[in-house]
């Protein structure tokens, strides 16, 4: 039985292949257990693990983290935009190259069918090679 990954289904919940769950499950469980231990200590003992009255440290830390996340997001968006521009330029160059090859190969008289097939092969082969080149960089 094959699963159609693009159709919404409950079976997709249990799909581990190409999922982020194996990478995230261990840190999530560790953080959850740590939080549970802190909560139990707070509820069952007289130890009060509260935030101090001075929020300066928290404000500075949160501001630094916000700046870091903003920088990371902007650099990721810039990388994505640059890759889109590069991909578009490569597609345009390959299309132009195949047009030049298609035009450059000389036509033949309609009487000679064998020559016509040979010319067609000469026209289509570089086009297919360019498509393979583009596909290679996609993977």
N, C-alpha and C. Protein backbone atom coordinates (compact mmCIF):
# COMPACT_ATOMS: atom_id res chain seq x y z
N UNK A 1 0.84 -1.18 0.00
CA UNK A 1 0.00 0.00 0.00
C UNK A 1 0.88 1.24 0.00
N UNK A 2 0.71 2.09 -0.95
CA UNK A 2 1.49 3.32 -1.00
C UNK A 2 0.66 4.47 -0.44
N UNK A 3 1.36 5.41 0.18
CA UNK A 3 0.70 6.55 0.80
C UNK A 3 0.87 7.75 -0.12
N UNK A 4 -0.23 8.42 -0.40
CA UNK A 4 -0.17 9.66 -1.17
C UNK A 4 0.12 10.79 -0.19
N UNK A 5 1.36 11.31 -0.22
CA UNK A 5 1.80 12.29 0.76
C UNK A 5 1.15 13.65 0.56
N UNK A 6 0.58 13.89 -0.59
CA UNK A 6 0.02 15.20 -0.87
C UNK A 6 -1.46 15.30 -0.53
N UNK A 7 -2.09 14.16 -0.28
CA UNK A 7 -3.50 14.16 0.08
C UNK A 7 -3.61 14.16 1.60
N UNK A 8 -4.43 15.03 2.17
CA UNK A 8 -4.57 15.05 3.63
C UNK A 8 -5.14 13.72 4.13
N UNK A 9 -4.47 13.15 5.10
CA UNK A 9 -4.89 11.87 5.64
C UNK A 9 -4.37 11.73 7.06
N UNK A 10 -5.03 10.91 7.84
CA UNK A 10 -4.55 10.64 9.20
C UNK A 10 -3.29 9.78 9.19
N UNK A 11 -3.04 9.07 8.11
CA UNK A 11 -1.84 8.24 8.03
C UNK A 11 -0.57 9.09 7.98
N UNK A 12 -0.69 10.34 7.55
CA UNK A 12 0.48 11.21 7.50
C UNK A 12 1.00 11.56 8.88
N UNK A 13 0.18 11.39 9.91
CA UNK A 13 0.64 11.65 11.27
C UNK A 13 1.73 10.67 11.66
N UNK A 14 1.63 9.44 11.21
CA UNK A 14 2.56 8.39 11.59
C UNK A 14 3.73 8.25 10.63
N UNK A 15 3.86 9.16 9.70
CA UNK A 15 4.94 9.09 8.71
C UNK A 15 6.21 9.68 9.32
N UNK A 16 7.25 8.89 9.46
CA UNK A 16 8.52 9.34 10.04
C UNK A 16 9.53 9.69 8.96
N UNK A 17 9.37 9.11 7.78
CA UNK A 17 10.31 9.39 6.70
C UNK A 17 10.14 10.84 6.25
N UNK A 18 11.24 11.54 6.09
CA UNK A 18 11.26 12.95 5.69
C UNK A 18 10.51 13.83 6.68
N UNK A 19 10.57 13.47 7.95
CA UNK A 19 9.90 14.25 8.99
C UNK A 19 10.93 14.86 9.92
N UNK A 20 10.54 15.91 10.60
CA UNK A 20 11.43 16.58 11.54
C UNK A 20 11.32 15.97 12.94
N UNK A 21 10.33 15.12 13.14
CA UNK A 21 10.07 14.55 14.47
C UNK A 21 11.27 13.81 15.05
N UNK A 22 11.99 12.97 14.30
CA UNK A 22 13.14 12.29 14.92
C UNK A 22 14.22 13.24 15.42
N UNK A 23 14.34 14.41 14.82
CA UNK A 23 15.35 15.37 15.25
C UNK A 23 14.91 16.19 16.46
N UNK A 24 13.61 16.34 16.63
CA UNK A 24 13.09 17.23 17.67
C UNK A 24 12.63 16.48 18.91
N UNK A 25 12.36 15.19 18.79
CA UNK A 25 11.73 14.46 19.89
C UNK A 25 12.61 14.41 21.14
N UNK A 26 13.90 14.17 21.01
CA UNK A 26 14.77 14.06 22.18
C UNK A 26 14.91 15.39 22.92
N UNK A 27 15.24 16.50 22.26
CA UNK A 27 15.29 17.77 23.00
C UNK A 27 13.95 18.16 23.63
N UNK A 28 12.86 17.84 22.96
CA UNK A 28 11.54 18.16 23.52
C UNK A 28 11.27 17.35 24.78
N UNK A 29 11.59 16.07 24.76
CA UNK A 29 11.38 15.24 25.95
C UNK A 29 12.28 15.68 27.11
N UNK A 30 13.51 16.06 26.82
CA UNK A 30 14.42 16.52 27.87
C UNK A 30 13.89 17.81 28.50
N UNK A 31 13.48 18.75 27.68
CA UNK A 31 12.96 20.01 28.20
C UNK A 31 11.66 19.81 28.97
N UNK A 32 10.81 18.92 28.49
CA UNK A 32 9.55 18.64 29.19
C UNK A 32 9.81 18.00 30.55
N UNK A 33 10.74 17.05 30.61
CA UNK A 33 11.04 16.41 31.90
C UNK A 33 11.68 17.42 32.86
N UNK A 34 12.55 18.29 32.38
CA UNK A 34 13.15 19.31 33.24
C UNK A 34 12.07 20.24 33.79
N UNK A 35 11.14 20.63 32.95
CA UNK A 35 10.05 21.50 33.39
C UNK A 35 9.17 20.80 34.42
N UNK A 36 8.91 19.52 34.22
CA UNK A 36 8.11 18.76 35.19
C UNK A 36 8.81 18.68 36.54
N UNK A 37 10.13 18.46 36.53
CA UNK A 37 10.90 18.39 37.78
C UNK A 37 10.85 19.73 38.50
N UNK A 38 11.04 20.83 37.80
CA UNK A 38 10.98 22.15 38.42
C UNK A 38 9.59 22.42 38.99
N UNK A 39 8.55 22.03 38.28
CA UNK A 39 7.19 22.23 38.76
C UNK A 39 6.91 21.42 40.02
N UNK A 40 7.37 20.17 40.05
CA UNK A 40 7.18 19.32 41.24
C UNK A 40 7.94 19.91 42.42
N UNK A 41 9.16 20.36 42.21
CA UNK A 41 9.94 20.97 43.30
C UNK A 41 9.23 22.22 43.82
N UNK A 42 8.69 23.02 42.94
CA UNK A 42 8.00 24.25 43.34
C UNK A 42 6.72 23.94 44.13
N UNK A 43 5.97 22.93 43.70
CA UNK A 43 4.69 22.62 44.35
C UNK A 43 4.84 21.87 45.66
N UNK A 44 5.83 20.97 45.77
CA UNK A 44 5.92 20.08 46.92
C UNK A 44 6.85 20.59 48.02
N UNK A 45 7.74 21.50 47.73
CA UNK A 45 8.70 21.96 48.75
C UNK A 45 8.51 23.45 49.01
N UNK A 46 9.30 23.95 49.93
CA UNK A 46 9.26 25.37 50.25
C UNK A 46 10.20 26.19 49.37
N UNK A 47 10.90 25.54 48.46
CA UNK A 47 11.81 26.25 47.56
C UNK A 47 10.97 26.95 46.50
N UNK A 48 11.09 28.25 46.44
CA UNK A 48 10.33 29.03 45.47
C UNK A 48 11.27 29.49 44.36
N UNK A 49 11.09 28.94 43.22
CA UNK A 49 11.94 29.24 42.06
C UNK A 49 11.28 30.33 41.22
N UNK A 50 11.27 31.53 41.74
CA UNK A 50 10.60 32.61 41.04
C UNK A 50 11.62 33.53 40.37
N UNK A 51 11.14 34.35 39.46
CA UNK A 51 11.99 35.29 38.75
C UNK A 51 12.28 36.47 39.68
N UNK A 52 13.52 36.95 39.73
CA UNK A 52 13.83 38.08 40.61
C UNK A 52 13.11 39.35 40.16
N UNK A 53 13.05 40.32 41.07
CA UNK A 53 12.33 41.55 40.79
C UNK A 53 13.00 42.39 39.70
N UNK A 54 14.30 42.27 39.56
CA UNK A 54 15.01 43.04 38.56
C UNK A 54 14.89 42.35 37.20
N UNK A 55 14.22 43.01 36.29
CA UNK A 55 14.01 42.43 34.96
C UNK A 55 15.05 42.89 33.95
N UNK A 56 16.09 43.57 34.39
CA UNK A 56 17.09 44.10 33.47
C UNK A 56 17.77 42.98 32.69
N UNK A 57 18.14 41.92 33.40
CA UNK A 57 18.81 40.80 32.74
C UNK A 57 17.89 40.14 31.72
N UNK A 58 16.64 39.98 32.09
CA UNK A 58 15.69 39.35 31.18
C UNK A 58 15.45 40.24 29.96
N UNK A 59 15.34 41.53 30.17
CA UNK A 59 15.10 42.44 29.05
C UNK A 59 16.27 42.47 28.08
N UNK A 60 17.48 42.53 28.62
CA UNK A 60 18.66 42.56 27.76
C UNK A 60 18.79 41.25 27.00
N UNK A 61 18.56 40.14 27.69
CA UNK A 61 18.66 38.83 27.02
C UNK A 61 17.60 38.69 25.94
N UNK A 62 16.37 39.07 26.24
CA UNK A 62 15.31 38.94 25.24
C UNK A 62 15.55 39.88 24.05
N UNK A 63 16.11 41.06 24.31
CA UNK A 63 16.43 41.98 23.22
C UNK A 63 17.52 41.40 22.32
N UNK A 64 18.54 40.80 22.93
CA UNK A 64 19.62 40.19 22.14
C UNK A 64 19.10 39.02 21.33
N UNK A 65 18.25 38.21 21.92
CA UNK A 65 17.69 37.07 21.19
C UNK A 65 16.80 37.56 20.05
N UNK A 66 16.03 38.61 20.28
CA UNK A 66 15.18 39.17 19.21
C UNK A 66 16.02 39.68 18.05
N UNK A 67 17.12 40.37 18.37
CA UNK A 67 18.01 40.84 17.30
C UNK A 67 18.63 39.67 16.53
N UNK A 68 19.05 38.64 17.26
CA UNK A 68 19.64 37.47 16.62
C UNK A 68 18.63 36.79 15.70
N UNK A 69 17.41 36.61 16.17
CA UNK A 69 16.39 35.97 15.34
C UNK A 69 16.06 36.81 14.11
N UNK A 70 16.01 38.11 14.28
CA UNK A 70 15.74 38.99 13.15
C UNK A 70 16.85 38.91 12.11
N UNK A 71 18.09 38.91 12.58
CA UNK A 71 19.22 38.80 11.65
C UNK A 71 19.18 37.47 10.92
N UNK A 72 18.90 36.39 11.66
CA UNK A 72 18.86 35.06 11.03
C UNK A 72 17.74 34.99 10.00
N UNK A 73 16.59 35.56 10.33
CA UNK A 73 15.47 35.54 9.40
C UNK A 73 15.79 36.35 8.15
N UNK A 74 16.37 37.52 8.32
CA UNK A 74 16.72 38.35 7.16
C UNK A 74 17.77 37.69 6.29
N UNK A 75 18.77 37.06 6.90
CA UNK A 75 19.79 36.39 6.09
C UNK A 75 19.20 35.18 5.37
N UNK A 76 18.27 34.48 6.01
CA UNK A 76 17.63 33.34 5.34
C UNK A 76 16.79 33.82 4.16
N UNK A 77 16.07 34.93 4.35
CA UNK A 77 15.27 35.48 3.25
C UNK A 77 16.16 35.95 2.10
N UNK A 78 17.30 36.56 2.44
CA UNK A 78 18.24 37.01 1.41
C UNK A 78 18.80 35.83 0.63
N UNK A 79 19.15 34.76 1.34
CA UNK A 79 19.67 33.57 0.66
C UNK A 79 18.61 32.98 -0.26
N UNK A 80 17.38 32.92 0.21
CA UNK A 80 16.30 32.39 -0.62
C UNK A 80 16.11 33.26 -1.86
N UNK A 81 16.09 34.57 -1.70
CA UNK A 81 15.89 35.48 -2.82
C UNK A 81 17.03 35.36 -3.82
N UNK A 82 18.27 35.26 -3.32
CA UNK A 82 19.42 35.11 -4.23
C UNK A 82 19.34 33.79 -4.99
N UNK A 83 18.92 32.72 -4.33
CA UNK A 83 18.81 31.44 -5.02
C UNK A 83 17.70 31.49 -6.07
N UNK A 84 16.61 32.20 -5.77
CA UNK A 84 15.55 32.35 -6.78
C UNK A 84 16.05 33.13 -7.99
N UNK A 85 16.82 34.18 -7.76
CA UNK A 85 17.36 34.96 -8.88
C UNK A 85 18.34 34.12 -9.70
N UNK A 86 19.18 33.35 -9.01
CA UNK A 86 20.14 32.50 -9.72
C UNK A 86 19.42 31.44 -10.53
N UNK A 87 18.40 30.83 -9.94
CA UNK A 87 17.63 29.80 -10.64
C UNK A 87 16.96 30.40 -11.87
N UNK A 88 16.38 31.58 -11.73
CA UNK A 88 15.72 32.24 -12.85
C UNK A 88 16.72 32.57 -13.96
N UNK A 89 17.89 33.04 -13.59
CA UNK A 89 18.92 33.35 -14.59
C UNK A 89 19.38 32.09 -15.31
N UNK A 90 19.52 30.99 -14.57
CA UNK A 90 19.95 29.74 -15.19
C UNK A 90 18.88 29.22 -16.16
N UNK A 91 17.61 29.29 -15.77
CA UNK A 91 16.53 28.86 -16.66
C UNK A 91 16.51 29.71 -17.92
N UNK A 92 16.68 31.00 -17.78
CA UNK A 92 16.69 31.90 -18.93
C UNK A 92 17.87 31.59 -19.86
N UNK A 93 19.05 31.37 -19.28
CA UNK A 93 20.23 31.06 -20.09
C UNK A 93 20.07 29.74 -20.83
N UNK A 94 19.49 28.74 -20.17
CA UNK A 94 19.30 27.44 -20.84
C UNK A 94 18.27 27.57 -21.96
N UNK A 95 17.22 28.33 -21.74
CA UNK A 95 16.23 28.53 -22.81
C UNK A 95 16.86 29.24 -24.00
N UNK A 96 17.65 30.27 -23.74
CA UNK A 96 18.31 30.98 -24.84
C UNK A 96 19.28 30.07 -25.58
N UNK A 97 20.03 29.27 -24.83
CA UNK A 97 20.98 28.35 -25.47
C UNK A 97 20.26 27.35 -26.36
N UNK A 98 19.16 26.79 -25.87
CA UNK A 98 18.44 25.82 -26.70
C UNK A 98 17.81 26.48 -27.92
N UNK A 99 17.36 27.73 -27.79
CA UNK A 99 16.84 28.44 -28.96
C UNK A 99 17.93 28.67 -30.00
N UNK A 100 19.12 29.07 -29.54
CA UNK A 100 20.23 29.27 -30.47
C UNK A 100 20.62 27.97 -31.16
N UNK A 101 20.64 26.88 -30.41
CA UNK A 101 20.97 25.59 -31.02
C UNK A 101 19.89 25.20 -32.02
N UNK A 102 18.63 25.41 -31.66
CA UNK A 102 17.53 25.04 -32.54
C UNK A 102 17.58 25.83 -33.85
N UNK A 103 17.92 27.10 -33.76
CA UNK A 103 17.99 27.94 -34.96
C UNK A 103 19.25 27.66 -35.77
N UNK A 104 20.35 27.36 -35.09
CA UNK A 104 21.63 27.20 -35.76
C UNK A 104 21.70 25.95 -36.62
N UNK A 105 21.02 24.89 -36.23
CA UNK A 105 21.07 23.66 -37.03
C UNK A 105 20.30 23.91 -38.32
N UNK A 106 20.97 23.60 -39.42
CA UNK A 106 20.41 23.92 -40.74
C UNK A 106 19.24 23.00 -41.08
N UNK A 107 18.29 23.58 -41.81
CA UNK A 107 17.14 22.80 -42.28
C UNK A 107 17.54 21.99 -43.49
N UNK A 108 16.75 20.99 -43.80
CA UNK A 108 17.02 20.12 -44.93
C UNK A 108 15.76 20.05 -45.79
N UNK A 109 15.93 19.62 -47.01
CA UNK A 109 14.77 19.48 -47.90
C UNK A 109 13.81 18.43 -47.35
N UNK A 110 12.55 18.61 -47.64
CA UNK A 110 11.53 17.68 -47.15
C UNK A 110 11.63 16.31 -47.82
N UNK A 111 12.36 16.21 -48.93
CA UNK A 111 12.44 14.95 -49.66
C UNK A 111 13.26 13.91 -48.93
N UNK A 112 14.28 14.33 -48.24
CA UNK A 112 15.20 13.39 -47.60
C UNK A 112 14.76 13.16 -46.14
N UNK A 113 14.00 12.09 -45.91
CA UNK A 113 13.45 11.82 -44.58
C UNK A 113 14.53 11.39 -43.59
N UNK A 114 15.53 10.66 -44.08
CA UNK A 114 16.61 10.21 -43.19
C UNK A 114 17.40 11.41 -42.67
N UNK A 115 17.70 12.34 -43.54
CA UNK A 115 18.41 13.55 -43.14
C UNK A 115 17.57 14.38 -42.17
N UNK A 116 16.26 14.39 -42.40
CA UNK A 116 15.37 15.16 -41.54
C UNK A 116 15.38 14.60 -40.11
N UNK A 117 15.38 13.29 -39.98
CA UNK A 117 15.45 12.68 -38.65
C UNK A 117 16.79 12.97 -37.98
N UNK A 118 17.84 12.96 -38.76
CA UNK A 118 19.17 13.25 -38.22
C UNK A 118 19.25 14.70 -37.74
N UNK A 119 18.68 15.61 -38.50
CA UNK A 119 18.67 17.02 -38.10
C UNK A 119 17.84 17.20 -36.83
N UNK A 120 16.72 16.50 -36.76
CA UNK A 120 15.87 16.59 -35.57
C UNK A 120 16.61 16.07 -34.33
N UNK A 121 17.37 15.01 -34.50
CA UNK A 121 18.18 14.49 -33.39
C UNK A 121 19.23 15.51 -32.99
N UNK A 122 19.87 16.14 -33.98
CA UNK A 122 20.88 17.16 -33.68
C UNK A 122 20.27 18.36 -32.95
N UNK A 123 19.01 18.63 -33.22
CA UNK A 123 18.36 19.75 -32.53
C UNK A 123 17.92 19.37 -31.12
N UNK A 124 17.41 18.18 -30.94
CA UNK A 124 16.84 17.80 -29.65
C UNK A 124 17.88 17.36 -28.63
N UNK A 125 18.99 16.81 -29.07
CA UNK A 125 19.99 16.30 -28.13
C UNK A 125 20.57 17.39 -27.23
N UNK A 126 21.04 18.52 -27.76
CA UNK A 126 21.55 19.56 -26.85
C UNK A 126 20.46 20.11 -25.92
N UNK A 127 19.25 20.17 -26.43
CA UNK A 127 18.14 20.64 -25.58
C UNK A 127 17.96 19.70 -24.39
N UNK A 128 17.99 18.42 -24.63
CA UNK A 128 17.84 17.45 -23.54
C UNK A 128 19.03 17.49 -22.59
N UNK A 129 20.21 17.71 -23.12
CA UNK A 129 21.40 17.83 -22.25
C UNK A 129 21.26 19.05 -21.34
N UNK A 130 20.77 20.15 -21.88
CA UNK A 130 20.57 21.35 -21.05
C UNK A 130 19.53 21.11 -19.97
N UNK A 131 18.48 20.39 -20.30
CA UNK A 131 17.46 20.07 -19.29
C UNK A 131 18.06 19.17 -18.21
N UNK A 132 18.89 18.21 -18.62
CA UNK A 132 19.56 17.36 -17.62
C UNK A 132 20.49 18.18 -16.74
N UNK A 133 21.17 19.13 -17.31
CA UNK A 133 22.06 20.00 -16.54
C UNK A 133 21.27 20.80 -15.51
N UNK A 134 20.13 21.33 -15.93
CA UNK A 134 19.28 22.09 -15.01
C UNK A 134 18.74 21.18 -13.91
N UNK A 135 18.34 19.96 -14.26
CA UNK A 135 17.82 19.02 -13.27
C UNK A 135 18.91 18.60 -12.29
N UNK A 136 20.13 18.50 -12.76
CA UNK A 136 21.25 18.13 -11.89
C UNK A 136 21.42 19.16 -10.79
N UNK A 137 21.30 20.44 -11.12
CA UNK A 137 21.45 21.48 -10.11
C UNK A 137 20.22 21.61 -9.22
N UNK A 138 19.09 21.06 -9.65
CA UNK A 138 17.90 21.06 -8.81
C UNK A 138 18.07 20.07 -7.66
N UNK A 139 18.67 18.94 -7.96
CA UNK A 139 18.83 17.91 -6.93
C UNK A 139 19.92 18.34 -6.00
